[in-house]
Amino acid sequence: MPRMLDVSDEVRAEIGDEEAARLLAGESAPGSYDCTSCRTPGDSEQERTSTVLFIGDETAVLAFAHATCLPSQVVQVTEEQLQGAVRSIGAVGGEPQQQPLPPQHTQQPPQAQQPPNLVPEQAVLGVTSGLVLIQNELHPALVVEPTAPVARPGAFGSGDDFLPLLIEQGFMPMTELAAVPPVLHGWSVLLAAGQLHAVLQPNPNGGRPVAWWQAHQPLQVTDGWRAAANKHQQVLMFAAPVGSIGRQPREDLMRDALDKAAANGKLVSAALPLAGI
């Protein structure tokens, strides 16, 4: 039976017209599936379904998502992340489709990670997930703070250019958390198999987005965080210089630290669309 599948031009270019035709005809696409975004059941015979192709260094994995959760797209991940996603899905009884399957999404305490574009020998990024209340609504948030001052690439000295670098990329300075920041198009948050994998930025050479920050191991997020991300289809990213936020054990303390950083002119933010939860 034909499937109600969305196969984007980008996905079609990777899998080929013949495989795309087989999918649309129902020959290689499952009827029922677990959405790679919200992890709830879907039925490609009854509802519009997106094909999401995760590509690693050596492996490609075709997954399926409710069209209301994710558009059809290609997502670049590391081979390790892809294999980890396959193992996590196998552990809960999922069956790979085409090749292995992809990831979902959850929360964890802050962990230091290497920032690709920001002098890795001097600073690593701490990334914390949590819910932030803005205008009486809970929003999923990532709070990013380096462990040391971040110098502009090629610069010498002890200055901290972390916020100026982000402002140049389109992040907005905040003086208070009174409204949701505007969407920063081209940037996105990669969530797969229920875990946080990376923050993606536009590729300066064109083509697929590249990782601005990438987790050494996928980070868990809470069910509440995942539900808010699925509801809003975006994640708020807040960034502050070293020493502005700290490792806060509770969301209320994290919010207090964010408010203080904003009041001191040490906070930038943007709303980043989801790239593949």
C-alpha atoms as a PDB file:
ATOM      1  CA  MET A   1       0.000   0.000   0.000  1.00  0.00           C
ATOM      2  CA  PRO A   2       1.366   3.495  -0.823  1.00  0.00           C
ATOM      3  CA  ARG A   3       2.642   5.422   2.165  1.00  0.00           C
ATOM      4  CA  MET A   4       1.932   9.028   3.139  1.00  0.00           C
ATOM      5  CA  LEU A   5       5.655   9.788   3.092  1.00  0.00           C
ATOM      6  CA  ASP A   6       7.463  13.069   2.615  1.00  0.00           C
ATOM      7  CA  VAL A   7      10.830  12.500   0.925  1.00  0.00           C
ATOM      8  CA  SER A   8      12.718  15.791   0.589  1.00  0.00           C
ATOM      9  CA  ASP A   9      14.943  16.522  -2.404  1.00  0.00           C
ATOM     10  CA  GLU A  10      17.916  16.358  -0.027  1.00  0.00           C
ATOM     11  CA  VAL A  11      16.995  12.859   1.170  1.00  0.00           C
ATOM     12  CA  ARG A  12      16.190  11.735  -2.383  1.00  0.00           C
ATOM     13  CA  ALA A  13      19.616  12.893  -3.567  1.00  0.00           C
ATOM     14  CA  GLU A  14      21.255  10.670  -0.937  1.00  0.00           C
ATOM     15  CA  ILE A  15      19.164   7.506  -1.298  1.00  0.00           C
ATOM     16  CA  GLY A  16      18.483   7.725  -5.053  1.00  0.00           C
ATOM     17  CA  ASP A  17      15.266   7.903  -7.067  1.00  0.00           C
ATOM     18  CA  GLU A  18      14.809   4.118  -7.096  1.00  0.00           C
ATOM     19  CA  GLU A  19      14.878   3.776  -3.316  1.00  0.00           C
ATOM     20  CA  ALA A  20      12.650   6.845  -2.933  1.00  0.00           C
ATOM     21  CA  ALA A  21      10.125   5.242  -5.278  1.00  0.00           C
ATOM     22  CA  ARG A  22      10.222   2.006  -3.268  1.00  0.00           C
ATOM     23  CA  LEU A  23       9.581   3.963  -0.086  1.00  0.00           C
ATOM     24  CA  LEU A  24       6.654   5.868  -1.532  1.00  0.00           C
ATOM     25  CA  ALA A  25       5.185   2.637  -2.911  1.00  0.00           C
ATOM     26  CA  GLY A  26       5.363   1.061   0.533  1.00  0.00           C
ATOM     27  CA  GLU A  27       7.853  -1.616  -0.496  1.00  0.00           C
ATOM     28  CA  SER A  28      10.579  -0.616   1.970  1.00  0.00           C
ATOM     29  CA  ALA A  29       8.809   1.707   4.416  1.00  0.00           C
ATOM     30  CA  PRO A  30       7.126   0.372   7.544  1.00  0.00           C
ATOM     31  CA  GLY A  31       3.446   0.970   8.132  1.00  0.00           C
ATOM     32  CA  SER A  32       3.876   1.626  11.835  1.00  0.00           C
ATOM     33  CA  TYR A  33       6.985   3.169  13.401  1.00  0.00           C
ATOM     34  CA  ASP A  34       8.241   4.975  16.491  1.00  0.00           C
ATOM     35  CA  CYS A  35       8.729   8.657  15.659  1.00  0.00           C
ATOM     36  CA  THR A  36      12.428   9.523  15.843  1.00  0.00           C
ATOM     37  CA  SER A  37      11.427  12.848  17.369  1.00  0.00           C
ATOM     38  CA  CYS A  38       8.737  12.288  19.999  1.00  0.00           C
ATOM     39  CA  ARG A  39       9.209   8.483  20.281  1.00  0.00           C
ATOM     40  CA  THR A  40       5.460   7.857  20.086  1.00  0.00           C
ATOM     41  CA  PRO A  41       3.897   5.490  17.516  1.00  0.00           C
ATOM     42  CA  GLY A  42       3.146   6.657  13.991  1.00  0.00           C
ATOM     43  CA  ASP A  43       1.473   5.088  10.972  1.00  0.00           C
ATOM     44  CA  SER A  44       2.664   6.032   7.495  1.00  0.00           C
ATOM     45  CA  GLU A  45      -0.534   4.596   6.014  1.00  0.00           C
ATOM     46  CA  GLN A  46      -2.723   6.939   8.035  1.00  0.00           C
ATOM     47  CA  GLU A  47      -0.727  10.163   8.626  1.00  0.00           C
ATOM     48  CA  ARG A  48       1.897  12.240   6.871  1.00  0.00           C
ATOM     49  CA  THR A  49       5.334  10.916   7.754  1.00  0.00           C
ATOM     50  CA  SER A  50       8.776  12.438   7.188  1.00  0.00           C
ATOM     51  CA  THR A  51      11.820  10.455   6.125  1.00  0.00           C
ATOM     52  CA  VAL A  52      14.896  11.546   8.107  1.00  0.00           C
ATOM     53  CA  LEU A  53      18.288  10.292   6.947  1.00  0.00           C
ATOM     54  CA  PHE A  54      21.070  10.244   9.538  1.00  0.00           C
ATOM     55  CA  ILE A  55      24.512  10.016   7.910  1.00  0.00           C
ATOM     56  CA  GLY A  56      27.648   9.009   9.810  1.00  0.00           C
ATOM     57  CA  ASP A  57      31.200   8.549   8.585  1.00  0.00           C
ATOM     58  CA  GLU A  58      30.538   5.062   7.198  1.00  0.00           C
ATOM     59  CA  THR A  59      26.870   4.351   7.877  1.00  0.00           C
ATOM     60  CA  ALA A  60      23.531   5.867   6.884  1.00  0.00           C
ATOM     61  CA  VAL A  61      20.336   5.325   8.837  1.00  0.00           C
ATOM     62  CA  LEU A  62      16.870   6.059   7.511  1.00  0.00           C
ATOM     63  CA  ALA A  63      14.345   6.939  10.192  1.00  0.00           C
ATOM     64  CA  PHE A  64      10.752   8.103  10.231  1.00  0.00           C
ATOM     65  CA  ALA A  65       8.999  10.912  12.091  1.00  0.00           C
ATOM     66  CA  HIS A  66       5.561  12.459  12.251  1.00  0.00           C
ATOM     67  CA  ALA A  67       5.509  15.275   9.696  1.00  0.00           C
ATOM     68  CA  THR A  68       4.186  17.493  12.487  1.00  0.00           C
ATOM     69  CA  CYS A  69       7.342  16.752  14.518  1.00  0.00           C
ATOM     70  CA  LEU A  70      10.061  17.037  11.867  1.00  0.00           C
ATOM     71  CA  PRO A  71      10.404  17.833   8.174  1.00  0.00           C
ATOM     72  CA  SER A  72      12.109  15.356   5.866  1.00  0.00           C
ATOM     73  CA  GLN A  73      15.824  16.121   6.031  1.00  0.00           C
ATOM     74  CA  VAL A  74      19.393  14.826   6.075  1.00  0.00           C
ATOM     75  CA  VAL A  75      21.244  15.082   9.406  1.00  0.00           C
ATOM     76  CA  GLN A  76      25.014  14.642   9.642  1.00  0.00           C
ATOM     77  CA  VAL A  77      26.219  12.866  12.801  1.00  0.00           C
ATOM     78  CA  THR A  78      29.390  11.114  13.857  1.00  0.00           C
ATOM     79  CA  GLU A  79      29.696   7.367  13.328  1.00  0.00           C
ATOM     80  CA  GLU A  80      29.908   6.895  17.093  1.00  0.00           C
ATOM     81  CA  GLN A  81      26.658   8.787  17.640  1.00  0.00           C
ATOM     82  CA  LEU A  82      24.965   6.794  14.911  1.00  0.00           C
ATOM     83  CA  GLN A  83      26.061   3.435  16.305  1.00  0.00           C
ATOM     84  CA  GLY A  84      25.059   4.540  19.806  1.00  0.00           C
ATOM     85  CA  ALA A  85      21.614   5.420  18.513  1.00  0.00           C
ATOM     86  CA  VAL A  86      21.261   2.005  16.900  1.00  0.00           C
ATOM     87  CA  ARG A  87      22.223   0.306  20.171  1.00  0.00           C
ATOM     88  CA  SER A  88      19.805   2.435  22.195  1.00  0.00           C
ATOM     89  CA  ILE A  89      16.914   1.621  19.881  1.00  0.00           C
ATOM     90  CA  GLY A  90      17.771  -2.074  19.847  1.00  0.00           C
ATOM     91  CA  ALA A  91      17.810  -2.066  23.652  1.00  0.00           C
ATOM     92  CA  VAL A  92      14.143  -1.053  23.742  1.00  0.00           C
ATOM     93  CA  GLY A  93      13.047  -3.436  21.028  1.00  0.00           C
ATOM     94  CA  GLY A  94      13.186  -1.148  18.011  1.00  0.00           C
ATOM     95  CA  GLU A  95      13.993  -2.557  14.591  1.00  0.00           C
ATOM     96  CA  PRO A  96      16.380  -0.796  12.215  1.00  0.00           C
ATOM     97  CA  GLN A  97      14.855   0.352   8.931  1.00  0.00           C
ATOM     98  CA  GLN A  98      17.098   0.398   5.826  1.00  0.00           C
ATOM     99  CA  GLN A  99      20.304   0.307   7.861  1.00  0.00           C
ATOM    100  CA  PRO A 100      20.510   1.159  11.584  1.00  0.00           C
ATOM    101  CA  LEU A 101      18.013   3.567  13.184  1.00  0.00           C
ATOM    102  CA  PRO A 102      18.481   7.055  14.726  1.00  0.00           C
ATOM    103  CA  PRO A 103      18.112   8.797  18.124  1.00  0.00           C
ATOM    104  CA  GLN A 104      15.511  10.577  20.474  1.00  0.00           C
ATOM    105  CA  HIS A 105      15.976  13.102  23.438  1.00  0.00           C
ATOM    106  CA  THR A 106      16.577  13.916  27.314  1.00  0.00           C
ATOM    107  CA  GLN A 107      18.690  15.923  30.239  1.00  0.00           C
ATOM    108  CA  GLN A 108      21.849  15.758  32.390  1.00  0.00           C
ATOM    109  CA  PRO A 109      24.088  17.918  34.561  1.00  0.00           C
ATOM    110  CA  PRO A 110      26.473  20.316  32.845  1.00  0.00           C
ATOM    111  CA  GLN A 111      29.432  18.703  31.171  1.00  0.00           C
ATOM    112  CA  ALA A 112      32.489  20.330  29.644  1.00  0.00           C
ATOM    113  CA  GLN A 113      32.671  19.852  25.901  1.00  0.00           C
ATOM    114  CA  GLN A 114      35.077  21.048  23.239  1.00  0.00           C
ATOM    115  CA  PRO A 115      33.850  24.033  21.164  1.00  0.00           C
ATOM    116  CA  PRO A 116      34.876  23.463  17.534  1.00  0.00           C
ATOM    117  CA  ASN A 117      35.377  27.083  16.509  1.00  0.00           C
ATOM    118  CA  LEU A 118      36.567  28.681  19.720  1.00  0.00           C
ATOM    119  CA  VAL A 119      40.218  28.024  20.568  1.00  0.00           C
ATOM    120  CA  PRO A 120      39.806  24.490  21.973  1.00  0.00           C
ATOM    121  CA  GLU A 121      43.183  24.499  23.689  1.00  0.00           C
ATOM    122  CA  GLN A 122      42.052  27.328  25.987  1.00  0.00           C
ATOM    123  CA  ALA A 123      38.389  26.731  26.747  1.00  0.00           C
ATOM    124  CA  VAL A 124      35.732  24.056  26.684  1.00  0.00           C
ATOM    125  CA  LEU A 125      31.998  24.640  26.858  1.00  0.00           C
ATOM    126  CA  GLY A 126      29.747  23.620  29.704  1.00  0.00           C
ATOM    127  CA  VAL A 127      26.231  22.880  28.438  1.00  0.00           C
ATOM    128  CA  THR A 128      23.224  22.488  30.747  1.00  0.00           C
ATOM    129  CA  SER A 129      19.630  21.749  29.764  1.00  0.00           C
ATOM    130  CA  GLY A 130      16.649  22.982  31.723  1.00  0.00           C
ATOM    131  CA  LEU A 131      13.189  24.521  31.503  1.00  0.00           C
ATOM    132  CA  VAL A 132      12.837  28.313  31.605  1.00  0.00           C
ATOM    133  CA  LEU A 133       9.565  30.109  32.360  1.00  0.00           C
ATOM    134  CA  ILE A 134       8.898  33.040  30.010  1.00  0.00           C
ATOM    135  CA  GLN A 135       5.521  34.773  29.791  1.00  0.00           C
ATOM    136  CA  ASN A 136       3.892  32.045  31.891  1.00  0.00           C
ATOM    137  CA  GLU A 137       5.047  29.251  29.579  1.00  0.00           C
ATOM    138  CA  LEU A 138       7.833  26.717  30.009  1.00  0.00           C
ATOM    139  CA  HIS A 139      10.445  26.620  27.256  1.00  0.00           C
ATOM    140  CA  PRO A 140      13.274  24.090  26.757  1.00  0.00           C
ATOM    141  CA  ALA A 141      16.632  25.808  27.154  1.00  0.00           C
ATOM    142  CA  LEU A 142      20.342  25.142  26.829  1.00  0.00           C
ATOM    143  CA  VAL A 143      22.709  27.260  28.885  1.00  0.00           C
ATOM    144  CA  VAL A 144      26.243  27.493  27.493  1.00  0.00           C
ATOM    145  CA  GLU A 145      29.197  28.793  29.481  1.00  0.00           C
ATOM    146  CA  PRO A 146      32.901  28.288  28.683  1.00  0.00           C
ATOM    147  CA  THR A 147      35.380  27.214  31.349  1.00  0.00           C
ATOM    148  CA  ALA A 148      37.800  30.014  30.426  1.00  0.00           C
ATOM    149  CA  PRO A 149      37.848  33.253  28.406  1.00  0.00           C
ATOM    150  CA  VAL A 150      37.400  32.636  24.687  1.00  0.00           C
ATOM    151  CA  ALA A 151      39.726  34.525  22.361  1.00  0.00           C
ATOM    152  CA  ARG A 152      38.926  35.377  18.785  1.00  0.00           C
ATOM    153  CA  PRO A 153      40.661  32.873  16.438  1.00  0.00           C
ATOM    154  CA  GLY A 154      44.164  34.116  15.716  1.00  0.00           C
ATOM    155  CA  ALA A 155      44.047  36.748  18.454  1.00  0.00           C
ATOM    156  CA  PHE A 156      46.595  37.061  21.242  1.00  0.00           C
ATOM    157  CA  GLY A 157      46.072  38.321  24.766  1.00  0.00           C
ATOM    158  CA  SER A 158      43.689  37.596  27.618  1.00  0.00           C
ATOM    159  CA  GLY A 159      40.481  39.202  26.283  1.00  0.00           C
ATOM    160  CA  ASP A 160      37.166  37.384  26.202  1.00  0.00           C
ATOM    161  CA  ASP A 161      35.386  37.522  22.833  1.00  0.00           C
ATOM    162  CA  PHE A 162      32.828  34.786  23.530  1.00  0.00           C
ATOM    163  CA  LEU A 163      29.759  37.038  23.459  1.00  0.00           C
ATOM    164  CA  PRO A 164      30.963  39.293  20.594  1.00  0.00           C
ATOM    165  CA  LEU A 165      31.612  36.191  18.485  1.00  0.00           C
ATOM    166  CA  LEU A 166      28.078  34.934  19.112  1.00  0.00           C
ATOM    167  CA  ILE A 167      26.536  38.366  18.515  1.00  0.00           C
ATOM    168  CA  GLU A 168      28.289  38.433  15.142  1.00  0.00           C
ATOM    169  CA  GLN A 169      26.561  35.118  14.377  1.00  0.00           C
ATOM    170  CA  GLY A 170      23.126  36.595  15.143  1.00  0.00           C
ATOM    171  CA  PHE A 171      22.618  35.940  18.863  1.00  0.00           C
ATOM    172  CA  MET A 172      20.862  38.806  20.646  1.00  0.00           C
ATOM    173  CA  PRO A 173      22.034  40.501  23.875  1.00  0.00           C
ATOM    174  CA  MET A 174      19.467  40.243  26.679  1.00  0.00           C
ATOM    175  CA  THR A 175      18.913  42.580  29.613  1.00  0.00           C
ATOM    176  CA  GLU A 176      16.010  40.520  31.008  1.00  0.00           C
ATOM    177  CA  LEU A 177      14.213  37.273  30.266  1.00  0.00           C
ATOM    178  CA  ALA A 178      10.902  38.954  29.478  1.00  0.00           C
ATOM    179  CA  ALA A 179      10.247  37.512  26.009  1.00  0.00           C
ATOM    180  CA  VAL A 180      11.284  34.585  23.833  1.00  0.00           C
ATOM    181  CA  PRO A 181      14.306  35.569  21.710  1.00  0.00           C
ATOM    182  CA  PRO A 182      13.936  35.552  17.914  1.00  0.00           C
ATOM    183  CA  VAL A 183      14.691  32.447  15.853  1.00  0.00           C
ATOM    184  CA  LEU A 184      18.251  32.251  14.541  1.00  0.00           C
ATOM    185  CA  HIS A 185      17.831  30.622  11.148  1.00  0.00           C
ATOM    186  CA  GLY A 186      20.622  28.342   9.987  1.00  0.00           C
ATOM    187  CA  TRP A 187      21.426  27.264  13.548  1.00  0.00           C
ATOM    188  CA  SER A 188      19.675  24.283  15.123  1.00  0.00           C
ATOM    189  CA  VAL A 189      19.750  21.774  17.968  1.00  0.00           C
ATOM    190  CA  LEU A 190      20.287  18.121  17.071  1.00  0.00           C
ATOM    191  CA  LEU A 191      18.351  15.692  19.253  1.00  0.00           C
ATOM    192  CA  ALA A 192      18.217  12.055  18.313  1.00  0.00           C
ATOM    193  CA  ALA A 193      16.901   8.935  20.016  1.00  0.00           C
ATOM    194  CA  GLY A 194      15.872  11.081  22.967  1.00  0.00           C
ATOM    195  CA  GLN A 195      19.324  12.561  23.560  1.00  0.00           C
ATOM    196  CA  LEU A 196      21.103  15.849  22.938  1.00  0.00           C
ATOM    197  CA  HIS A 197      23.862  15.443  20.371  1.00  0.00           C
ATOM    198  CA  ALA A 198      24.942  18.839  19.090  1.00  0.00           C
ATOM    199  CA  VAL A 199      24.303  22.497  18.363  1.00  0.00           C
ATOM    200  CA  LEU A 200      24.652  23.032  14.616  1.00  0.00           C
ATOM    201  CA  GLN A 201      25.652  26.202  12.788  1.00  0.00           C
ATOM    202  CA  PRO A 202      25.680  27.133   9.077  1.00  0.00           C
ATOM    203  CA  ASN A 203      28.563  25.728   7.087  1.00  0.00           C
ATOM    204  CA  PRO A 204      30.735  28.664   5.950  1.00  0.00           C
ATOM    205  CA  ASN A 205      31.539  26.684   2.795  1.00  0.00           C
ATOM    206  CA  GLY A 206      27.903  25.933   2.076  1.00  0.00           C
ATOM    207  CA  GLY A 207      26.219  22.543   2.247  1.00  0.00           C
ATOM    208  CA  ARG A 208      25.027  20.805   5.387  1.00  0.00           C
ATOM    209  CA  PRO A 209      25.306  22.536   8.782  1.00  0.00           C
ATOM    210  CA  VAL A 210      28.342  21.730  10.923  1.00  0.00           C
ATOM    211  CA  ALA A 211      28.663  21.239  14.677  1.00  0.00           C
ATOM    212  CA  TRP A 212      29.401  24.363  16.715  1.00  0.00           C
ATOM    213  CA  TRP A 213      29.240  22.237  19.865  1.00  0.00           C
ATOM    214  CA  GLN A 214      29.112  18.443  19.919  1.00  0.00           C
ATOM    215  CA  ALA A 215      28.648  16.152  22.914  1.00  0.00           C
ATOM    216  CA  HIS A 216      31.378  13.577  23.502  1.00  0.00           C
ATOM    217  CA  GLN A 217      28.543  11.331  24.643  1.00  0.00           C
ATOM    218  CA  PRO A 218      24.870  12.130  23.978  1.00  0.00           C
ATOM    219  CA  LEU A 219      23.331  13.972  26.924  1.00  0.00           C
ATOM    220  CA  GLN A 220      20.052  12.931  28.493  1.00  0.00           C
ATOM    221  CA  VAL A 221      17.182  15.407  28.883  1.00  0.00           C
ATOM    222  CA  THR A 222      14.084  15.111  31.052  1.00  0.00           C
ATOM    223  CA  ASP A 223      10.689  14.030  29.775  1.00  0.00           C
ATOM    224  CA  GLY A 224       9.389  17.533  30.555  1.00  0.00           C
ATOM    225  CA  TRP A 225      12.195  19.124  28.525  1.00  0.00           C
ATOM    226  CA  ARG A 226      11.514  16.794  25.607  1.00  0.00           C
ATOM    227  CA  ALA A 227       7.774  17.491  25.736  1.00  0.00           C
ATOM    228  CA  ALA A 228       8.400  21.252  25.712  1.00  0.00           C
ATOM    229  CA  ALA A 229      10.818  20.896  22.787  1.00  0.00           C
ATOM    230  CA  ASN A 230       8.252  18.912  20.808  1.00  0.00           C
ATOM    231  CA  LYS A 231       5.565  21.477  21.619  1.00  0.00           C
ATOM    232  CA  HIS A 232       7.586  24.524  20.574  1.00  0.00           C
ATOM    233  CA  GLN A 233       9.736  22.814  17.907  1.00  0.00           C
ATOM    234  CA  GLN A 234      12.649  24.920  19.080  1.00  0.00           C
ATOM    235  CA  VAL A 235      15.119  25.272  21.947  1.00  0.00           C
ATOM    236  CA  LEU A 236      16.226  28.523  23.561  1.00  0.00           C
ATOM    237  CA  MET A 237      19.998  28.818  23.814  1.00  0.00           C
ATOM    238  CA  PHE A 238      21.480  31.186  26.383  1.00  0.00           C
ATOM    239  CA  ALA A 239      25.220  31.899  26.455  1.00  0.00           C
ATOM    240  CA  ALA A 240      27.284  33.784  29.032  1.00  0.00           C
ATOM    241  CA  PRO A 241      31.010  34.357  29.666  1.00  0.00           C
ATOM    242  CA  VAL A 242      32.984  32.189  32.076  1.00  0.00           C
ATOM    243  CA  GLY A 243      31.934  32.670  35.708  1.00  0.00           C
ATOM    244  CA  SER A 244      28.536  34.201  34.906  1.00  0.00           C
ATOM    245  CA  ILE A 245      26.218  31.223  35.479  1.00  0.00           C
ATOM    246  CA  GLY A 246      28.106  28.419  37.230  1.00  0.00           C
ATOM    247  CA  ARG A 247      26.947  24.851  37.750  1.00  0.00           C
ATOM    248  CA  GLN A 248      23.495  25.263  39.238  1.00  0.00           C
ATOM    249  CA  PRO A 249      21.923  22.080  40.644  1.00  0.00           C
ATOM    250  CA  ARG A 250      18.307  23.261  40.218  1.00  0.00           C
ATOM    251  CA  GLU A 251      16.349  25.044  37.505  1.00  0.00           C
ATOM    252  CA  ASP A 252      15.235  27.840  39.839  1.00  0.00           C
ATOM    253  CA  LEU A 253      18.860  28.578  40.706  1.00  0.00           C
ATOM    254  CA  MET A 254      19.774  28.453  37.024  1.00  0.00           C
ATOM    255  CA  ARG A 255      17.014  30.971  36.293  1.00  0.00           C
ATOM    256  CA  ASP A 256      18.288  33.284  39.042  1.00  0.00           C
ATOM    257  CA  ALA A 257      21.790  33.106  37.532  1.00  0.00           C
ATOM    258  CA  LEU A 258      20.409  33.839  34.052  1.00  0.00           C
ATOM    259  CA  ASP A 259      18.488  36.857  35.343  1.00  0.00           C
ATOM    260  CA  LYS A 260      21.609  38.177  37.063  1.00  0.00           C
ATOM    261  CA  ALA A 261      23.777  37.669  33.963  1.00  0.00           C
ATOM    262  CA  ALA A 262      21.192  39.460  31.815  1.00  0.00           C
ATOM    263  CA  ALA A 263      20.984  42.390  34.230  1.00  0.00           C
ATOM    264  CA  ASN A 264      24.781  42.648  34.126  1.00  0.00           C
ATOM    265  CA  GLY A 265      24.836  42.679  30.323  1.00  0.00           C
ATOM    266  CA  LYS A 266      26.491  39.259  30.132  1.00  0.00           C
ATOM    267  CA  LEU A 267      23.871  37.164  28.348  1.00  0.00           C
ATOM    268  CA  VAL A 268      23.010  36.499  24.704  1.00  0.00           C
ATOM    269  CA  SER A 269      20.320  34.206  23.390  1.00  0.00           C
ATOM    270  CA  ALA A 270      18.461  32.870  20.373  1.00  0.00           C
ATOM    271  CA  ALA A 271      15.732  30.388  19.605  1.00  0.00           C
ATOM    272  CA  LEU A 272      17.163  27.446  17.627  1.00  0.00           C
ATOM    273  CA  PRO A 273      14.902  25.117  15.615  1.00  0.00           C
ATOM    274  CA  LEU A 274      15.095  21.373  16.174  1.00  0.00           C
ATOM    275  CA  ALA A 275      17.237  19.525  13.640  1.00  0.00           C
ATOM    276  CA  GLY A 276      16.215  15.951  14.350  1.00  0.00           C
ATOM    277  CA  ILE A 277      15.135  14.717  17.714  1.00  0.00           C
END
